[in-house]
Amino acid sequence: MNVRNLETFQEALVCQYRDLIHEAILESETDHKTRLNIGKLNSKLQVICKAAQYDGLDETTINELIDEAIPQVETRAA
């Protein structure tokens, strides 16, 4: 596989896993879409991470995709 094909393959993998992560988040939302079932999301993300590593994506890349996809939560002082 030449360098251009490898880059195209890696880009396709990144897009595929970005979609899988987004889908996992949607499947982990409650009915009112105001909360996430963290346990369910964590299980799905663990499977996605293992599959990504098997497919050749490095851990840093998959972690960046997860960080981009998961909404950040602001904590308020009580």
PDB file of N, CA and C in Angstrom:
ATOM      1  N   MET A   1       0.854  -1.167   0.000  1.00  0.00           N
ATOM      2  CA  MET A   1       0.000   0.000   0.000  1.00  0.00           C
ATOM      3  C   MET A   1       0.899   1.230   0.000  1.00  0.00           C
ATOM      4  N   ASN A   2       0.674   2.137  -0.950  1.00  0.00           N
ATOM      5  CA  ASN A   2       1.531   3.318  -0.979  1.00  0.00           C
ATOM      6  C   ASN A   2       1.056   4.347   0.040  1.00  0.00           C
ATOM      7  N   VAL A   3       1.834   5.412   0.200  1.00  0.00           N
ATOM      8  CA  VAL A   3       1.582   6.400   1.247  1.00  0.00           C
ATOM      9  C   VAL A   3       0.233   7.085   1.046  1.00  0.00           C
ATOM     10  N   ARG A   4      -0.095   7.428  -0.176  1.00  0.00           N
ATOM     11  CA  ARG A   4      -1.373   8.109  -0.446  1.00  0.00           C
ATOM     12  C   ARG A   4      -2.559   7.204  -0.094  1.00  0.00           C
ATOM     13  N   ASN A   5      -2.476   5.942  -0.473  1.00  0.00           N
ATOM     14  CA  ASN A   5      -3.552   5.015  -0.132  1.00  0.00           C
ATOM     15  C   ASN A   5      -3.655   4.811   1.378  1.00  0.00           C
ATOM     16  N   LEU A   6      -2.521   4.774   2.042  1.00  0.00           N
ATOM     17  CA  LEU A   6      -2.506   4.619   3.501  1.00  0.00           C
ATOM     18  C   LEU A   6      -3.160   5.822   4.176  1.00  0.00           C
ATOM     19  N   GLU A   7      -2.848   7.031   3.696  1.00  0.00           N
ATOM     20  CA  GLU A   7      -3.453   8.239   4.262  1.00  0.00           C
ATOM     21  C   GLU A   7      -4.963   8.247   4.033  1.00  0.00           C
ATOM     22  N   THR A   8      -5.390   7.860   2.839  1.00  0.00           N
ATOM     23  CA  THR A   8      -6.812   7.805   2.524  1.00  0.00           C
ATOM     24  C   THR A   8      -7.504   6.767   3.402  1.00  0.00           C
ATOM     25  N   PHE A   9      -6.867   5.632   3.597  1.00  0.00           N
ATOM     26  CA  PHE A   9      -7.412   4.582   4.455  1.00  0.00           C
ATOM     27  C   PHE A   9      -7.554   5.081   5.890  1.00  0.00           C
ATOM     28  N   GLN A  10      -6.523   5.751   6.400  1.00  0.00           N
ATOM     29  CA  GLN A  10      -6.559   6.280   7.771  1.00  0.00           C
ATOM     30  C   GLN A  10      -7.670   7.326   7.917  1.00  0.00           C
ATOM     31  N   GLU A  11      -7.823   8.186   6.910  1.00  0.00           N
ATOM     32  CA  GLU A  11      -8.882   9.197   6.956  1.00  0.00           C
ATOM     33  C   GLU A  11     -10.256   8.538   6.970  1.00  0.00           C
ATOM     34  N   ALA A  12     -10.419   7.493   6.179  1.00  0.00           N
ATOM     35  CA  ALA A  12     -11.694   6.767   6.147  1.00  0.00           C
ATOM     36  C   ALA A  12     -11.969   6.109   7.497  1.00  0.00           C
ATOM     37  N   LEU A  13     -10.938   5.546   8.121  1.00  0.00           N
ATOM     38  CA  LEU A  13     -11.101   4.945   9.448  1.00  0.00           C
ATOM     39  C   LEU A  13     -11.522   5.988  10.479  1.00  0.00           C
ATOM     40  N   VAL A  14     -10.877   7.136  10.431  1.00  0.00           N
ATOM     41  CA  VAL A  14     -11.207   8.202  11.379  1.00  0.00           C
ATOM     42  C   VAL A  14     -12.672   8.604  11.209  1.00  0.00           C
ATOM     43  N   CYS A  15     -13.124   8.783   9.979  1.00  0.00           N
ATOM     44  CA  CYS A  15     -14.525   9.138   9.718  1.00  0.00           C
ATOM     45  C   CYS A  15     -15.471   8.049  10.212  1.00  0.00           C
ATOM     46  N   GLN A  16     -15.112   6.803   9.957  1.00  0.00           N
ATOM     47  CA  GLN A  16     -15.942   5.683  10.385  1.00  0.00           C
ATOM     48  C   GLN A  16     -16.066   5.649  11.908  1.00  0.00           C
ATOM     49  N   TYR A  17     -14.965   5.803  12.604  1.00  0.00           N
ATOM     50  CA  TYR A  17     -14.998   5.743  14.057  1.00  0.00           C
ATOM     51  C   TYR A  17     -15.624   6.992  14.666  1.00  0.00           C
ATOM     52  N   ARG A  18     -15.497   8.133  14.013  1.00  0.00           N
ATOM     53  CA  ARG A  18     -16.197   9.338  14.476  1.00  0.00           C
ATOM     54  C   ARG A  18     -17.703   9.083  14.453  1.00  0.00           C
ATOM     55  N   ASP A  19     -18.185   8.462  13.375  1.00  0.00           N
ATOM     56  CA  ASP A  19     -19.606   8.127  13.266  1.00  0.00           C
ATOM     57  C   ASP A  19     -20.033   7.106  14.320  1.00  0.00           C
ATOM     58  N   LEU A  20     -19.211   6.099  14.554  1.00  0.00           N
ATOM     59  CA  LEU A  20     -19.532   5.086  15.567  1.00  0.00           C
ATOM     60  C   LEU A  20     -19.614   5.689  16.962  1.00  0.00           C
ATOM     61  N   ILE A  21     -18.725   6.608  17.269  1.00  0.00           N
ATOM     62  CA  ILE A  21     -18.732   7.266  18.571  1.00  0.00           C
ATOM     63  C   ILE A  21     -19.991   8.109  18.714  1.00  0.00           C
ATOM     64  N   HIS A  22     -20.325   8.849  17.672  1.00  0.00           N
ATOM     65  CA  HIS A  22     -21.539   9.670  17.702  1.00  0.00           C
ATOM     66  C   HIS A  22     -22.777   8.790  17.900  1.00  0.00           C
ATOM     67  N   GLU A  23     -22.821   7.683  17.208  1.00  0.00           N
ATOM     68  CA  GLU A  23     -23.936   6.747  17.341  1.00  0.00           C
ATOM     69  C   GLU A  23     -24.019   6.187  18.769  1.00  0.00           C
ATOM     70  N   ALA A  24     -22.885   5.870  19.363  1.00  0.00           N
ATOM     71  CA  ALA A  24     -22.854   5.361  20.734  1.00  0.00           C
ATOM     72  C   ALA A  24     -23.389   6.400  21.712  1.00  0.00           C
ATOM     73  N   ILE A  25     -23.061   7.651  21.480  1.00  0.00           N
ATOM     74  CA  ILE A  25     -23.562   8.723  22.346  1.00  0.00           C
ATOM     75  C   ILE A  25     -25.073   8.829  22.216  1.00  0.00           C
ATOM     76  N   LEU A  26     -25.571   8.827  20.996  1.00  0.00           N
ATOM     77  CA  LEU A  26     -27.017   8.916  20.783  1.00  0.00           C
ATOM     78  C   LEU A  26     -27.757   7.749  21.427  1.00  0.00           C
ATOM     79  N   GLU A  27     -27.198   6.555  21.323  1.00  0.00           N
ATOM     80  CA  GLU A  27     -27.827   5.375  21.910  1.00  0.00           C
ATOM     81  C   GLU A  27     -27.779   5.391  23.435  1.00  0.00           C
ATOM     82  N   SER A  28     -26.896   6.195  24.016  1.00  0.00           N
ATOM     83  CA  SER A  28     -26.736   6.248  25.465  1.00  0.00           C
ATOM     84  C   SER A  28     -27.528   7.389  26.103  1.00  0.00           C
ATOM     85  N   GLU A  29     -28.192   8.198  25.288  1.00  0.00           N
ATOM     86  CA  GLU A  29     -28.985   9.297  25.824  1.00  0.00           C
ATOM     87  C   GLU A  29     -30.287   8.772  26.412  1.00  0.00           C
ATOM     88  N   THR A  30     -30.812   9.512  27.382  1.00  0.00           N
ATOM     89  CA  THR A  30     -32.109   9.174  27.944  1.00  0.00           C
ATOM     90  C   THR A  30     -33.196   9.588  26.954  1.00  0.00           C
ATOM     91  N   ASP A  31     -34.425   9.242  27.269  1.00  0.00           N
ATOM     92  CA  ASP A  31     -35.541   9.561  26.385  1.00  0.00           C
ATOM     93  C   ASP A  31     -35.672  11.056  26.106  1.00  0.00           C
ATOM     94  N   HIS A  32     -35.357  11.862  27.070  1.00  0.00           N
ATOM     95  CA  HIS A  32     -35.507  13.307  26.915  1.00  0.00           C
ATOM     96  C   HIS A  32     -34.232  13.981  26.405  1.00  0.00           C
ATOM     97  N   LYS A  33     -33.225  13.192  26.153  1.00  0.00           N
ATOM     98  CA  LYS A  33     -31.947  13.665  25.620  1.00  0.00           C
ATOM     99  C   LYS A  33     -31.294  14.742  26.500  1.00  0.00           C
ATOM    100  N   THR A  34     -31.535  14.639  27.798  1.00  0.00           N
ATOM    101  CA  THR A  34     -30.935  15.597  28.720  1.00  0.00           C
ATOM    102  C   THR A  34     -29.805  14.981  29.535  1.00  0.00           C
ATOM    103  N   ARG A  35     -29.731  13.659  29.525  1.00  0.00           N
ATOM    104  CA  ARG A  35     -28.712  12.958  30.310  1.00  0.00           C
ATOM    105  C   ARG A  35     -28.147  11.800  29.503  1.00  0.00           C
ATOM    106  N   LEU A  36     -26.948  11.403  29.892  1.00  0.00           N
ATOM    107  CA  LEU A  36     -26.306  10.235  29.282  1.00  0.00           C
ATOM    108  C   LEU A  36     -26.244   9.103  30.295  1.00  0.00           C
ATOM    109  N   ASN A  37     -26.482   7.889  29.842  1.00  0.00           N
ATOM    110  CA  ASN A  37     -26.256   6.710  30.664  1.00  0.00           C
ATOM    111  C   ASN A  37     -24.760   6.411  30.532  1.00  0.00           C
ATOM    112  N   ILE A  38     -23.995   6.847  31.514  1.00  0.00           N
ATOM    113  CA  ILE A  38     -22.533   6.760  31.442  1.00  0.00           C
ATOM    114  C   ILE A  38     -22.053   5.317  31.367  1.00  0.00           C
ATOM    115  N   GLY A  39     -22.682   4.415  32.104  1.00  0.00           N
ATOM    116  CA  GLY A  39     -22.282   3.005  32.071  1.00  0.00           C
ATOM    117  C   GLY A  39     -22.455   2.412  30.679  1.00  0.00           C
ATOM    118  N   LYS A  40     -23.587   2.683  30.070  1.00  0.00           N
ATOM    119  CA  LYS A  40     -23.863   2.188  28.718  1.00  0.00           C
ATOM    120  C   LYS A  40     -22.878   2.798  27.715  1.00  0.00           C
ATOM    121  N   LEU A  41     -22.644   4.105  27.828  1.00  0.00           N
ATOM    122  CA  LEU A  41     -21.708   4.783  26.925  1.00  0.00           C
ATOM    123  C   LEU A  41     -20.297   4.237  27.100  1.00  0.00           C
ATOM    124  N   ASN A  42     -19.882   4.039  28.336  1.00  0.00           N
ATOM    125  CA  ASN A  42     -18.541   3.512  28.606  1.00  0.00           C
ATOM    126  C   ASN A  42     -18.350   2.134  27.973  1.00  0.00           C
ATOM    127  N   SER A  43     -19.355   1.276  28.103  1.00  0.00           N
ATOM    128  CA  SER A  43     -19.274  -0.065  27.502  1.00  0.00           C
ATOM    129  C   SER A  43     -19.125   0.020  25.990  1.00  0.00           C
ATOM    130  N   LYS A  44     -19.921   0.874  25.381  1.00  0.00           N
ATOM    131  CA  LYS A  44     -19.860   1.027  23.928  1.00  0.00           C
ATOM    132  C   LYS A  44     -18.508   1.593  23.485  1.00  0.00           C
ATOM    133  N   LEU A  45     -17.996   2.562  24.237  1.00  0.00           N
ATOM    134  CA  LEU A  45     -16.711   3.169  23.875  1.00  0.00           C
ATOM    135  C   LEU A  45     -15.552   2.197  24.050  1.00  0.00           C
ATOM    136  N   GLN A  46     -15.627   1.316  25.029  1.00  0.00           N
ATOM    137  CA  GLN A  46     -14.584   0.313  25.200  1.00  0.00           C
ATOM    138  C   GLN A  46     -14.526  -0.611  23.989  1.00  0.00           C
ATOM    139  N   VAL A  47     -15.683  -1.025  23.512  1.00  0.00           N
ATOM    140  CA  VAL A  47     -15.736  -1.886  22.325  1.00  0.00           C
ATOM    141  C   VAL A  47     -15.185  -1.139  21.110  1.00  0.00           C
ATOM    142  N   ILE A  48     -15.574   0.112  20.966  1.00  0.00           N
ATOM    143  CA  ILE A  48     -15.107   0.925  19.838  1.00  0.00           C
ATOM    144  C   ILE A  48     -13.588   1.098  19.901  1.00  0.00           C
ATOM    145  N   CYS A  49     -13.054   1.349  21.092  1.00  0.00           N
ATOM    146  CA  CYS A  49     -11.591   1.523  21.233  1.00  0.00           C
ATOM    147  C   CYS A  49     -10.833   0.263  20.839  1.00  0.00           C
ATOM    148  N   LYS A  50     -11.318  -0.876  21.279  1.00  0.00           N
ATOM    149  CA  LYS A  50     -10.656  -2.134  20.928  1.00  0.00           C
ATOM    150  C   LYS A  50     -10.714  -2.384  19.425  1.00  0.00           C
ATOM    151  N   ALA A  51     -11.856  -2.123  18.824  1.00  0.00           N
ATOM    152  CA  ALA A  51     -12.002  -2.316  17.387  1.00  0.00           C
ATOM    153  C   ALA A  51     -11.099  -1.350  16.614  1.00  0.00           C
ATOM    154  N   ALA A  52     -11.011  -0.120  17.085  1.00  0.00           N
ATOM    155  CA  ALA A  52     -10.167   0.877  16.419  1.00  0.00           C
ATOM    156  C   ALA A  52      -8.696   0.474  16.463  1.00  0.00           C
ATOM    157  N   GLN A  53      -8.261  -0.009  17.610  1.00  0.00           N
ATOM    158  CA  GLN A  53      -6.875  -0.451  17.721  1.00  0.00           C
ATOM    159  C   GLN A  53      -6.621  -1.650  16.817  1.00  0.00           C
ATOM    160  N   TYR A  54      -7.586  -2.542  16.735  1.00  0.00           N
ATOM    161  CA  TYR A  54      -7.461  -3.705  15.858  1.00  0.00           C
ATOM    162  C   TYR A  54      -7.362  -3.268  14.392  1.00  0.00           C
ATOM    163  N   ASP A  55      -8.125  -2.218  14.045  1.00  0.00           N
ATOM    164  CA  ASP A  55      -8.116  -1.708  12.672  1.00  0.00           C
ATOM    165  C   ASP A  55      -6.904  -0.845  12.357  1.00  0.00           C
ATOM    166  N   GLY A  56      -6.116  -0.507  13.373  1.00  0.00           N
ATOM    167  CA  GLY A  56      -4.878   0.215  13.118  1.00  0.00           C
ATOM    168  C   GLY A  56      -4.874   1.680  13.533  1.00  0.00           C
ATOM    169  N   LEU A  57      -5.930   2.142  14.196  1.00  0.00           N
ATOM    170  CA  LEU A  57      -5.917   3.512  14.706  1.00  0.00           C
ATOM    171  C   LEU A  57      -5.199   3.524  16.044  1.00  0.00           C
ATOM    172  N   ASP A  58      -4.338   4.513  16.238  1.00  0.00           N
ATOM    173  CA  ASP A  58      -3.625   4.569  17.514  1.00  0.00           C
ATOM    174  C   ASP A  58      -4.549   5.120  18.598  1.00  0.00           C
ATOM    175  N   GLU A  59      -4.204   4.831  19.817  1.00  0.00           N
ATOM    176  CA  GLU A  59      -5.033   5.181  20.972  1.00  0.00           C
ATOM    177  C   GLU A  59      -5.237   6.687  21.091  1.00  0.00           C
ATOM    178  N   THR A  60      -4.220   7.465  20.767  1.00  0.00           N
ATOM    179  CA  THR A  60      -4.319   8.922  20.840  1.00  0.00           C
ATOM    180  C   THR A  60      -5.402   9.439  19.907  1.00  0.00           C
ATOM    181  N   THR A  61      -5.442   8.919  18.700  1.00  0.00           N
ATOM    182  CA  THR A  61      -6.433   9.361  17.717  1.00  0.00           C
ATOM    183  C   THR A  61      -7.843   9.042  18.182  1.00  0.00           C
ATOM    184  N   ILE A  62      -8.069   7.835  18.642  1.00  0.00           N
ATOM    185  CA  ILE A  62      -9.415   7.453  19.071  1.00  0.00           C
ATOM    186  C   ILE A  62      -9.827   8.249  20.309  1.00  0.00           C
ATOM    187  N   ASN A  63      -8.897   8.519  21.215  1.00  0.00           N
ATOM    188  CA  ASN A  63      -9.209   9.328  22.395  1.00  0.00           C
ATOM    189  C   ASN A  63      -9.560  10.766  22.011  1.00  0.00           C
ATOM    190  N   GLU A  64      -8.881  11.303  21.008  1.00  0.00           N
ATOM    191  CA  GLU A  64      -9.205  12.648  20.517  1.00  0.00           C
ATOM    192  C   GLU A  64     -10.607  12.676  19.915  1.00  0.00           C
ATOM    193  N   LEU A  65     -10.967  11.636  19.177  1.00  0.00           N
ATOM    194  CA  LEU A  65     -12.303  11.566  18.595  1.00  0.00           C
ATOM    195  C   LEU A  65     -13.371  11.516  19.683  1.00  0.00           C
ATOM    196  N   ILE A  66     -13.102  10.756  20.729  1.00  0.00           N
ATOM    197  CA  ILE A  66     -14.053  10.665  21.849  1.00  0.00           C
ATOM    198  C   ILE A  66     -14.172  12.018  22.548  1.00  0.00           C
ATOM    199  N   ASP A  67     -13.036  12.670  22.799  1.00  0.00           N
ATOM    200  CA  ASP A  67     -13.054  13.977  23.464  1.00  0.00           C
ATOM    201  C   ASP A  67     -13.820  15.006  22.640  1.00  0.00           C
ATOM    202  N   GLU A  68     -13.688  14.957  21.329  1.00  0.00           N
ATOM    203  CA  GLU A  68     -14.405  15.893  20.458  1.00  0.00           C
ATOM    204  C   GLU A  68     -15.909  15.634  20.480  1.00  0.00           C
ATOM    205  N   ALA A  69     -16.296  14.384  20.599  1.00  0.00           N
ATOM    206  CA  ALA A  69     -17.705  14.000  20.449  1.00  0.00           C
ATOM    207  C   ALA A  69     -18.528  14.157  21.716  1.00  0.00           C
ATOM    208  N   ILE A  70     -17.919  13.932  22.869  1.00  0.00           N
ATOM    209  CA  ILE A  70     -18.678  13.936  24.113  1.00  0.00           C
ATOM    210  C   ILE A  70     -18.839  15.360  24.596  1.00  0.00           C
ATOM    211  N   PRO A  71     -20.084  15.768  24.852  1.00  0.00           N
ATOM    212  CA  PRO A  71     -20.317  17.136  25.324  1.00  0.00           C
ATOM    213  C   PRO A  71     -19.650  17.372  26.671  1.00  0.00           C
ATOM    214  N   GLN A  72     -19.061  18.522  26.798  1.00  0.00           N
ATOM    215  CA  GLN A  72     -18.407  18.893  28.048  1.00  0.00           C
ATOM    216  C   GLN A  72     -19.456  19.340  29.055  1.00  0.00           C
ATOM    217  N   VAL A  73     -19.255  18.955  30.288  1.00  0.00           N
ATOM    218  CA  VAL A  73     -20.210  19.279  31.350  1.00  0.00           C
ATOM    219  C   VAL A  73     -19.606  20.337  32.246  1.00  0.00           C
ATOM    220  N   GLU A  74     -20.386  21.367  32.490  1.00  0.00           N
ATOM    221  CA  GLU A  74     -19.960  22.404  33.426  1.00  0.00           C
ATOM    222  C   GLU A  74     -20.451  22.024  34.801  1.00  0.00           C
ATOM    223  N   THR A  75     -19.595  22.146  35.782  1.00  0.00           N
ATOM    224  CA  THR A  75     -20.015  21.859  37.147  1.00  0.00           C
ATOM    225  C   THR A  75     -20.277  23.177  37.848  1.00  0.00           C
ATOM    226  N   ARG A  76     -21.319  23.198  38.640  1.00  0.00           N
ATOM    227  CA  ARG A  76     -21.666  24.397  39.382  1.00  0.00           C
ATOM    228  C   ARG A  76     -21.391  24.178  40.856  1.00  0.00           C
ATOM    229  N   ALA A  77     -20.921  25.204  41.495  1.00  0.00           N
ATOM    230  CA  ALA A  77     -20.668  25.130  42.937  1.00  0.00           C
ATOM    231  C   ALA A  77     -22.009  25.088  43.671  1.00  0.00           C
ATOM    232  N   ALA A  78     -22.049  24.282  44.707  1.00  0.00           N
ATOM    233  CA  ALA A  78     -23.315  24.144  45.466  1.00  0.00           C
ATOM    234  C   ALA A  78     -23.554  25.291  46.387  1.00  0.00           C
TER     235      ALA A  78
END
